[in-house]
C-alpha cells in the first residue's frame, strides 16, 4: 500500500496564490491610530519565508509578491517564517502581530475565516520601531490536501 505522501507526489497539486496579501496585522494598540506597518516595497519588511517541492533553497519575499504566483505541481509547500516591522508614536503600544492565511480549492468558496499564527516580538530598534519575527513551527500548507489546484 502506498503512503498518502507517495500518492500525493504523483498527483498534481498546484498552489496558486491569488490577490491575497498574506500579512494582515492584528495589532492590539492602546491608541489604534498610533502604530503603523512599514511597507518599503519589499526591500526589507514585511516578508514571508517559504519552501516548496522543486525549490533548491528557501525563498524570502515581501508578502504582496505572492499575488498571482503559480508554483506549478508541488507535493509540499511550507511557510517557514514571517517578519513585520512596526513603529509606535504618541503613547501607542504595539503588543502583537499575526500571520493569517487561508487555503481553499480553486472553484470552491473561499473560507470566511483565516488560520492564525501569532508572530513573536524579535527586535526593539529604538524610537518606537520594532521587528516581529518567527511564528514557531513551520506550516505545511499542503498537508492533508487531496490532489487539486489551491488558492492560498
N, C-alpha and C. Protein backbone atom coordinates (compact mmCIF):
# COMPACT_ATOMS: atom_id res chain seq x y z
N UNK A 1 0.84 -1.18 0.00
CA UNK A 1 0.00 0.00 0.00
C UNK A 1 0.89 1.25 0.00
N UNK A 2 0.62 2.14 -0.89
CA UNK A 2 1.41 3.36 -1.00
C UNK A 2 0.99 4.36 0.07
N UNK A 3 1.95 5.10 0.57
CA UNK A 3 1.62 6.12 1.56
C UNK A 3 0.89 7.27 0.87
N UNK A 4 0.16 8.06 1.65
CA UNK A 4 -0.55 9.21 1.11
C UNK A 4 0.43 10.16 0.45
N UNK A 5 1.61 10.36 1.09
CA UNK A 5 2.59 11.28 0.54
C UNK A 5 3.07 10.83 -0.83
N UNK A 6 3.33 9.51 -0.99
CA UNK A 6 3.77 9.00 -2.28
C UNK A 6 2.70 9.21 -3.33
N UNK A 7 1.45 8.91 -2.98
CA UNK A 7 0.35 9.12 -3.93
C UNK A 7 0.22 10.60 -4.25
N UNK A 8 0.39 11.45 -3.23
CA UNK A 8 0.25 12.89 -3.43
C UNK A 8 1.33 13.40 -4.38
N UNK A 9 2.54 12.87 -4.26
CA UNK A 9 3.62 13.31 -5.14
C UNK A 9 3.32 12.99 -6.60
N UNK A 10 2.58 11.94 -6.84
CA UNK A 10 2.29 11.54 -8.21
C UNK A 10 1.09 12.28 -8.79
N UNK A 11 0.37 12.96 -7.94
CA UNK A 11 -0.79 13.71 -8.41
C UNK A 11 -0.42 15.18 -8.49
N UNK A 12 -1.16 15.88 -9.28
CA UNK A 12 -0.86 17.30 -9.49
C UNK A 12 -1.49 18.13 -8.41
N UNK A 13 -0.67 18.91 -7.76
CA UNK A 13 -1.16 19.92 -6.83
C UNK A 13 -0.52 21.22 -7.25
N UNK A 14 -1.30 22.16 -7.56
CA UNK A 14 -0.78 23.48 -7.90
C UNK A 14 -1.21 24.44 -6.82
N UNK A 15 -0.27 25.14 -6.30
CA UNK A 15 -0.58 26.13 -5.29
C UNK A 15 -0.58 27.48 -6.00
N UNK A 16 -1.75 28.06 -6.13
CA UNK A 16 -1.90 29.31 -6.86
C UNK A 16 -2.24 30.41 -5.87
N UNK A 17 -1.36 31.35 -5.77
CA UNK A 17 -1.61 32.46 -4.86
C UNK A 17 -2.33 33.56 -5.61
N UNK A 18 -3.48 33.97 -5.11
CA UNK A 18 -4.28 34.97 -5.81
C UNK A 18 -4.64 36.12 -4.89
N UNK A 19 -4.22 37.27 -5.28
CA UNK A 19 -4.67 38.52 -4.71
C UNK A 19 -4.74 38.64 -3.21
N UNK A 20 -4.10 37.77 -2.46
CA UNK A 20 -4.24 37.82 -1.02
C UNK A 20 -2.92 38.25 -0.41
N UNK A 21 -2.92 39.34 0.25
CA UNK A 21 -1.74 39.75 0.98
C UNK A 21 -1.68 38.89 2.23
N UNK A 22 -0.65 38.08 2.33
CA UNK A 22 -0.57 37.11 3.41
C UNK A 22 -0.35 37.73 4.78
N UNK A 23 0.07 38.96 4.77
CA UNK A 23 0.29 39.58 6.06
C UNK A 23 -0.84 40.53 6.41
N UNK A 24 -1.66 40.12 7.32
CA UNK A 24 -2.63 41.02 7.93
C UNK A 24 -2.10 41.24 9.32
N UNK A 25 -1.97 42.47 9.67
CA UNK A 25 -1.52 42.74 11.02
C UNK A 25 -2.73 42.80 11.93
N UNK A 26 -2.63 42.13 13.02
CA UNK A 26 -3.62 42.26 14.07
C UNK A 26 -2.87 42.87 15.24
N UNK A 27 -3.03 44.15 15.39
CA UNK A 27 -2.24 44.87 16.38
C UNK A 27 -3.17 45.35 17.48
N UNK A 28 -2.85 44.97 18.69
CA UNK A 28 -3.59 45.42 19.85
C UNK A 28 -2.87 46.65 20.36
N UNK A 29 -3.44 47.80 20.13
CA UNK A 29 -2.76 49.03 20.47
C UNK A 29 -3.57 49.84 21.46
N UNK A 30 -2.87 50.55 22.33
CA UNK A 30 -3.53 51.45 23.26
C UNK A 30 -4.29 52.51 22.48
N UNK A 31 -3.63 53.13 21.51
CA UNK A 31 -4.27 54.08 20.62
C UNK A 31 -4.09 53.55 19.21
N UNK A 32 -5.13 53.00 18.63
CA UNK A 32 -5.03 52.30 17.35
C UNK A 32 -4.41 53.15 16.25
N UNK A 33 -4.62 54.46 16.27
CA UNK A 33 -4.07 55.29 15.21
C UNK A 33 -2.57 55.52 15.38
N UNK A 34 -2.01 55.11 16.49
CA UNK A 34 -0.61 55.41 16.78
C UNK A 34 0.34 54.24 16.54
N UNK A 35 0.12 53.52 15.47
CA UNK A 35 1.04 52.47 15.08
C UNK A 35 1.05 52.41 13.57
N UNK A 36 1.97 51.67 13.01
CA UNK A 36 1.99 51.54 11.56
C UNK A 36 2.70 50.28 11.13
N UNK A 37 2.46 49.89 9.91
CA UNK A 37 3.15 48.78 9.30
C UNK A 37 4.07 49.36 8.24
N UNK A 38 5.31 49.03 8.30
CA UNK A 38 6.26 49.55 7.32
C UNK A 38 6.22 48.65 6.09
N UNK A 39 5.90 49.23 4.97
CA UNK A 39 5.93 48.52 3.69
C UNK A 39 6.84 49.31 2.78
N UNK A 40 8.06 48.87 2.66
CA UNK A 40 9.06 49.62 1.91
C UNK A 40 9.28 49.04 0.52
N UNK A 41 8.24 48.51 -0.08
CA UNK A 41 8.36 47.97 -1.43
C UNK A 41 9.11 46.66 -1.48
N UNK A 42 9.20 45.97 -0.35
CA UNK A 42 9.84 44.67 -0.33
C UNK A 42 11.33 44.68 -0.10
N UNK A 43 11.90 45.87 0.10
CA UNK A 43 13.34 45.93 0.35
C UNK A 43 13.67 45.25 1.68
N UNK A 44 12.85 45.46 2.68
CA UNK A 44 13.09 44.86 3.99
C UNK A 44 11.90 44.05 4.49
N UNK A 45 10.84 44.72 4.88
CA UNK A 45 9.73 44.03 5.55
C UNK A 45 8.39 44.56 5.06
N UNK A 46 7.26 43.93 5.19
CA UNK A 46 7.04 42.59 5.76
C UNK A 46 7.46 41.50 4.78
N UNK A 47 7.93 40.40 5.31
CA UNK A 47 8.36 39.30 4.46
C UNK A 47 7.81 37.98 4.95
N UNK A 48 7.81 37.00 4.06
CA UNK A 48 7.47 35.63 4.40
C UNK A 48 8.54 34.73 3.78
N UNK A 49 8.94 33.71 4.52
CA UNK A 49 9.91 32.74 4.02
C UNK A 49 9.19 31.42 3.80
N UNK A 50 9.43 30.80 2.65
CA UNK A 50 8.73 29.56 2.31
C UNK A 50 9.62 28.64 1.50
N UNK A 51 9.20 27.39 1.38
CA UNK A 51 9.87 26.38 0.56
C UNK A 51 8.78 25.50 -0.04
N UNK A 52 9.01 24.99 -1.25
CA UNK A 52 8.09 24.05 -1.89
C UNK A 52 8.89 23.04 -2.69
N UNK A 53 8.28 21.87 -2.97
CA UNK A 53 8.99 20.85 -3.72
C UNK A 53 9.43 21.42 -5.06
N UNK A 54 10.65 21.13 -5.41
CA UNK A 54 11.22 21.66 -6.64
C UNK A 54 12.14 22.85 -6.40
N UNK A 55 11.99 23.52 -5.27
CA UNK A 55 12.85 24.65 -4.94
C UNK A 55 14.15 24.12 -4.33
N UNK A 56 15.26 24.70 -4.72
CA UNK A 56 16.54 24.25 -4.17
C UNK A 56 16.90 24.95 -2.87
N UNK A 57 16.32 26.13 -2.63
CA UNK A 57 16.57 26.88 -1.41
C UNK A 57 15.27 27.54 -0.95
N UNK A 58 15.24 27.97 0.31
CA UNK A 58 14.10 28.73 0.81
C UNK A 58 14.04 30.07 0.08
N UNK A 59 12.84 30.60 -0.05
CA UNK A 59 12.64 31.92 -0.64
C UNK A 59 12.08 32.86 0.42
N UNK A 60 12.56 34.09 0.44
CA UNK A 60 12.02 35.12 1.31
C UNK A 60 11.61 36.28 0.43
N UNK A 61 10.32 36.62 0.49
CA UNK A 61 9.79 37.70 -0.35
C UNK A 61 8.82 38.54 0.46
N UNK A 62 8.56 39.74 -0.04
CA UNK A 62 7.53 40.58 0.56
C UNK A 62 6.20 39.87 0.38
N UNK A 63 5.33 39.95 1.38
CA UNK A 63 4.04 39.27 1.31
C UNK A 63 3.26 39.53 0.05
N UNK A 64 3.26 40.76 -0.45
CA UNK A 64 2.49 41.10 -1.65
C UNK A 64 3.03 40.42 -2.90
N UNK A 65 4.26 39.92 -2.87
CA UNK A 65 4.85 39.27 -4.04
C UNK A 65 4.17 37.95 -4.38
N UNK A 66 3.33 37.43 -3.48
CA UNK A 66 2.62 36.19 -3.76
C UNK A 66 1.47 36.37 -4.74
N UNK A 67 1.00 37.58 -4.90
CA UNK A 67 -0.17 37.85 -5.73
C UNK A 67 -0.01 37.27 -7.13
N UNK A 68 -0.83 36.28 -7.45
CA UNK A 68 -0.85 35.70 -8.78
C UNK A 68 0.25 34.70 -9.08
N UNK A 69 1.09 34.37 -8.11
CA UNK A 69 2.18 33.42 -8.35
C UNK A 69 1.64 32.00 -8.48
N UNK A 70 2.10 31.28 -9.50
CA UNK A 70 1.73 29.88 -9.70
C UNK A 70 2.98 29.05 -9.47
N UNK A 71 2.97 28.19 -8.48
CA UNK A 71 4.14 27.40 -8.13
C UNK A 71 4.18 26.05 -8.86
N UNK A 72 3.22 25.81 -9.73
CA UNK A 72 3.23 24.58 -10.51
C UNK A 72 2.82 23.38 -9.68
N UNK A 73 3.33 22.22 -10.07
CA UNK A 73 2.98 20.96 -9.41
C UNK A 73 3.90 20.76 -8.20
N UNK A 74 3.32 20.70 -7.02
CA UNK A 74 4.10 20.50 -5.80
C UNK A 74 3.42 19.46 -4.92
N UNK A 75 4.20 18.82 -4.07
CA UNK A 75 3.63 17.90 -3.09
C UNK A 75 3.79 18.45 -1.69
N UNK A 76 4.61 19.49 -1.54
CA UNK A 76 4.79 20.13 -0.23
C UNK A 76 4.98 21.62 -0.44
N UNK A 77 4.38 22.40 0.44
CA UNK A 77 4.56 23.85 0.45
C UNK A 77 4.58 24.26 1.91
N UNK A 78 5.67 24.85 2.34
CA UNK A 78 5.86 25.11 3.77
C UNK A 78 6.19 26.58 4.01
N UNK A 79 5.37 27.23 4.86
CA UNK A 79 5.71 28.56 5.36
C UNK A 79 6.68 28.35 6.51
N UNK A 80 7.81 29.04 6.46
CA UNK A 80 8.84 28.84 7.47
C UNK A 80 8.98 30.00 8.45
N UNK A 81 8.66 31.21 8.02
CA UNK A 81 8.88 32.36 8.89
C UNK A 81 8.18 33.58 8.31
N UNK A 82 7.99 34.57 9.15
CA UNK A 82 7.43 35.85 8.72
C UNK A 82 8.05 36.95 9.58
N UNK A 83 8.28 38.11 8.99
CA UNK A 83 8.82 39.27 9.70
C UNK A 83 8.00 40.50 9.34
N UNK A 84 7.68 41.28 10.35
CA UNK A 84 6.91 42.50 10.16
C UNK A 84 7.55 43.60 11.00
N UNK A 85 7.67 44.80 10.44
CA UNK A 85 8.21 45.92 11.20
C UNK A 85 7.08 46.88 11.54
N UNK A 86 7.07 47.33 12.79
CA UNK A 86 6.05 48.28 13.25
C UNK A 86 6.76 49.47 13.89
N UNK A 87 6.01 50.54 14.07
CA UNK A 87 6.51 51.67 14.82
C UNK A 87 5.39 52.22 15.68
N UNK A 88 5.77 52.90 16.76
CA UNK A 88 4.81 53.46 17.70
C UNK A 88 5.10 54.95 17.87
N UNK A 89 4.04 55.69 18.19
CA UNK A 89 4.21 57.10 18.48
C UNK A 89 3.08 57.57 19.37
N UNK A 90 3.27 58.71 19.99
CA UNK A 90 2.23 59.36 20.80
C UNK A 90 1.59 58.43 21.81
N UNK A 91 2.39 57.60 22.47
CA UNK A 91 1.88 56.74 23.53
C UNK A 91 1.24 55.45 23.05
N UNK A 92 1.20 55.22 21.76
CA UNK A 92 0.66 53.96 21.25
C UNK A 92 1.58 52.81 21.61
N UNK A 93 1.03 51.61 21.68
CA UNK A 93 1.84 50.45 22.03
C UNK A 93 1.43 49.26 21.19
N UNK A 94 2.33 48.75 20.40
CA UNK A 94 2.09 47.55 19.61
C UNK A 94 2.37 46.36 20.51
N UNK A 95 1.40 45.48 20.68
CA UNK A 95 1.56 44.36 21.61
C UNK A 95 1.47 43.00 20.95
N UNK A 96 1.39 42.96 19.62
CA UNK A 96 1.35 41.66 18.96
C UNK A 96 1.19 41.80 17.47
N UNK A 97 1.52 40.71 16.77
CA UNK A 97 1.36 40.65 15.32
C UNK A 97 0.93 39.23 14.96
N UNK A 98 0.24 39.10 13.82
CA UNK A 98 -0.25 37.79 13.40
C UNK A 98 0.02 37.55 11.93
N UNK A 99 0.21 36.28 11.59
CA UNK A 99 0.30 35.80 10.21
C UNK A 99 -1.01 35.07 9.97
N UNK A 100 -1.81 35.55 9.02
CA UNK A 100 -3.12 34.96 8.72
C UNK A 100 -3.11 34.41 7.30
N UNK A 101 -3.64 33.20 7.12
CA UNK A 101 -3.71 32.62 5.79
C UNK A 101 -4.93 31.72 5.66
N UNK A 102 -5.33 31.47 4.42
CA UNK A 102 -6.44 30.57 4.08
C UNK A 102 -5.97 29.65 2.97
N UNK A 103 -6.51 28.45 2.92
CA UNK A 103 -6.25 27.53 1.82
C UNK A 103 -7.60 26.99 1.36
N UNK A 104 -7.88 27.09 0.04
CA UNK A 104 -9.11 26.53 -0.48
C UNK A 104 -8.91 26.09 -1.92
N UNK A 105 -9.67 25.09 -2.31
CA UNK A 105 -9.53 24.55 -3.66
C UNK A 105 -10.14 25.51 -4.68
N UNK A 106 -9.45 25.64 -5.82
CA UNK A 106 -9.93 26.50 -6.89
C UNK A 106 -11.33 26.06 -7.29
N UNK A 107 -12.22 27.03 -7.47
CA UNK A 107 -13.60 26.74 -7.84
C UNK A 107 -14.52 26.59 -6.65
N UNK A 108 -13.96 26.45 -5.46
CA UNK A 108 -14.75 26.35 -4.23
C UNK A 108 -14.87 27.74 -3.59
N UNK A 109 -15.75 27.86 -2.62
CA UNK A 109 -15.94 29.11 -1.92
C UNK A 109 -14.78 29.38 -0.97
N UNK A 110 -14.29 30.59 -1.00
CA UNK A 110 -13.21 30.98 -0.09
C UNK A 110 -13.72 30.91 1.35
N UNK A 111 -12.96 30.30 2.26
CA UNK A 111 -13.39 30.24 3.66
C UNK A 111 -13.54 31.64 4.25
N UNK A 112 -14.47 31.77 5.17
CA UNK A 112 -14.71 33.06 5.81
C UNK A 112 -13.60 33.41 6.80
N UNK A 113 -13.04 32.41 7.45
CA UNK A 113 -12.05 32.70 8.49
C UNK A 113 -10.64 32.29 8.06
N UNK A 114 -9.69 32.89 8.73
CA UNK A 114 -8.28 32.63 8.47
C UNK A 114 -7.73 31.65 9.51
N UNK A 115 -6.68 30.96 9.15
CA UNK A 115 -5.86 30.26 10.12
C UNK A 115 -4.87 31.30 10.62
N UNK A 116 -4.74 31.40 11.93
CA UNK A 116 -3.95 32.47 12.53
C UNK A 116 -2.75 31.89 13.27
N UNK A 117 -1.61 32.51 13.05
CA UNK A 117 -0.40 32.15 13.79
C UNK A 117 0.19 33.43 14.35
N UNK A 118 0.35 33.51 15.66
CA UNK A 118 0.96 34.69 16.27
C UNK A 118 2.43 34.78 15.89
N UNK A 119 2.88 36.00 15.66
CA UNK A 119 4.29 36.26 15.35
C UNK A 119 4.91 36.90 16.58
N UNK A 120 6.00 36.34 17.06
CA UNK A 120 6.64 36.83 18.27
C UNK A 120 7.46 38.08 18.07
N UNK A 121 7.59 38.85 19.16
CA UNK A 121 8.45 40.03 19.14
C UNK A 121 9.88 39.57 18.95
N UNK A 122 10.65 40.35 18.20
CA UNK A 122 12.01 39.94 17.88
C UNK A 122 13.05 40.98 18.28
N UNK A 123 12.88 42.23 17.79
CA UNK A 123 13.92 43.24 17.98
C UNK A 123 13.29 44.60 18.28
N UNK A 124 13.84 45.30 19.26
CA UNK A 124 13.49 46.70 19.50
C UNK A 124 14.59 47.53 18.86
N UNK A 125 14.23 48.28 17.81
CA UNK A 125 15.22 49.07 17.08
C UNK A 125 15.35 50.49 17.62
N UNK A 126 14.62 50.81 18.68
CA UNK A 126 14.66 52.15 19.24
C UNK A 126 13.68 53.08 18.54
N UNK A 127 13.40 54.21 19.15
CA UNK A 127 12.49 55.23 18.60
C UNK A 127 11.11 54.65 18.28
N UNK A 128 10.69 53.61 18.98
CA UNK A 128 9.37 53.02 18.75
C UNK A 128 9.32 52.00 17.63
N UNK A 129 10.43 51.78 16.94
CA UNK A 129 10.46 50.79 15.86
C UNK A 129 10.71 49.39 16.42
N UNK A 130 9.93 48.43 15.95
CA UNK A 130 10.07 47.05 16.39
C UNK A 130 10.00 46.11 15.20
N UNK A 131 10.67 44.96 15.33
CA UNK A 131 10.51 43.89 14.35
C UNK A 131 9.89 42.71 15.07
N UNK A 132 8.84 42.18 14.45
CA UNK A 132 8.17 40.98 14.93
C UNK A 132 8.54 39.88 13.95
N UNK A 133 9.06 38.77 14.46
CA UNK A 133 9.50 37.71 13.56
C UNK A 133 9.41 36.35 14.22
N UNK A 134 9.17 35.35 13.45
CA UNK A 134 9.09 33.95 13.83
C UNK A 134 7.73 33.61 14.42
N UNK A 135 7.10 32.61 13.81
CA UNK A 135 5.81 32.16 14.31
C UNK A 135 5.86 30.72 14.83
N UNK A 136 7.04 30.26 15.19
CA UNK A 136 7.16 28.92 15.78
C UNK A 136 7.32 27.85 14.72
N UNK A 137 6.62 26.73 14.90
CA UNK A 137 6.73 25.60 13.98
C UNK A 137 6.36 26.00 12.56
N UNK A 138 7.00 25.36 11.61
CA UNK A 138 6.70 25.59 10.20
C UNK A 138 5.26 25.18 9.90
N UNK A 139 4.67 25.79 8.88
CA UNK A 139 3.30 25.50 8.48
C UNK A 139 3.33 24.73 7.17
N UNK A 140 2.94 23.46 7.20
CA UNK A 140 2.89 22.62 6.00
C UNK A 140 1.53 22.80 5.34
N UNK A 141 1.45 23.74 4.42
CA UNK A 141 0.19 24.13 3.79
C UNK A 141 -0.46 22.97 3.04
N UNK A 142 0.32 22.11 2.39
CA UNK A 142 -0.23 21.04 1.55
C UNK A 142 -0.62 19.79 2.35
N UNK A 143 -0.26 19.75 3.62
CA UNK A 143 -0.55 18.57 4.43
C UNK A 143 -2.05 18.30 4.49
N UNK A 144 -2.43 17.09 4.14
CA UNK A 144 -3.83 16.69 4.20
C UNK A 144 -4.67 17.06 3.00
N UNK A 145 -4.11 17.76 2.03
CA UNK A 145 -4.88 18.15 0.85
C UNK A 145 -4.90 17.01 -0.17
N UNK A 146 -6.01 16.86 -0.86
CA UNK A 146 -6.09 15.92 -1.97
C UNK A 146 -5.57 16.63 -3.21
N UNK A 147 -5.25 15.86 -4.24
CA UNK A 147 -4.74 16.46 -5.48
C UNK A 147 -5.72 17.49 -6.01
N UNK A 148 -5.22 18.61 -6.45
CA UNK A 148 -6.07 19.66 -6.99
C UNK A 148 -5.31 20.95 -7.14
N UNK A 149 -6.00 22.01 -7.48
CA UNK A 149 -5.43 23.34 -7.61
C UNK A 149 -5.97 24.18 -6.46
N UNK A 150 -5.07 24.80 -5.72
CA UNK A 150 -5.46 25.50 -4.50
C UNK A 150 -5.05 26.97 -4.53
N UNK A 151 -5.81 27.77 -3.81
CA UNK A 151 -5.50 29.17 -3.55
C UNK A 151 -5.04 29.27 -2.10
N UNK A 152 -4.06 30.15 -1.86
CA UNK A 152 -3.61 30.40 -0.50
C UNK A 152 -3.65 31.90 -0.29
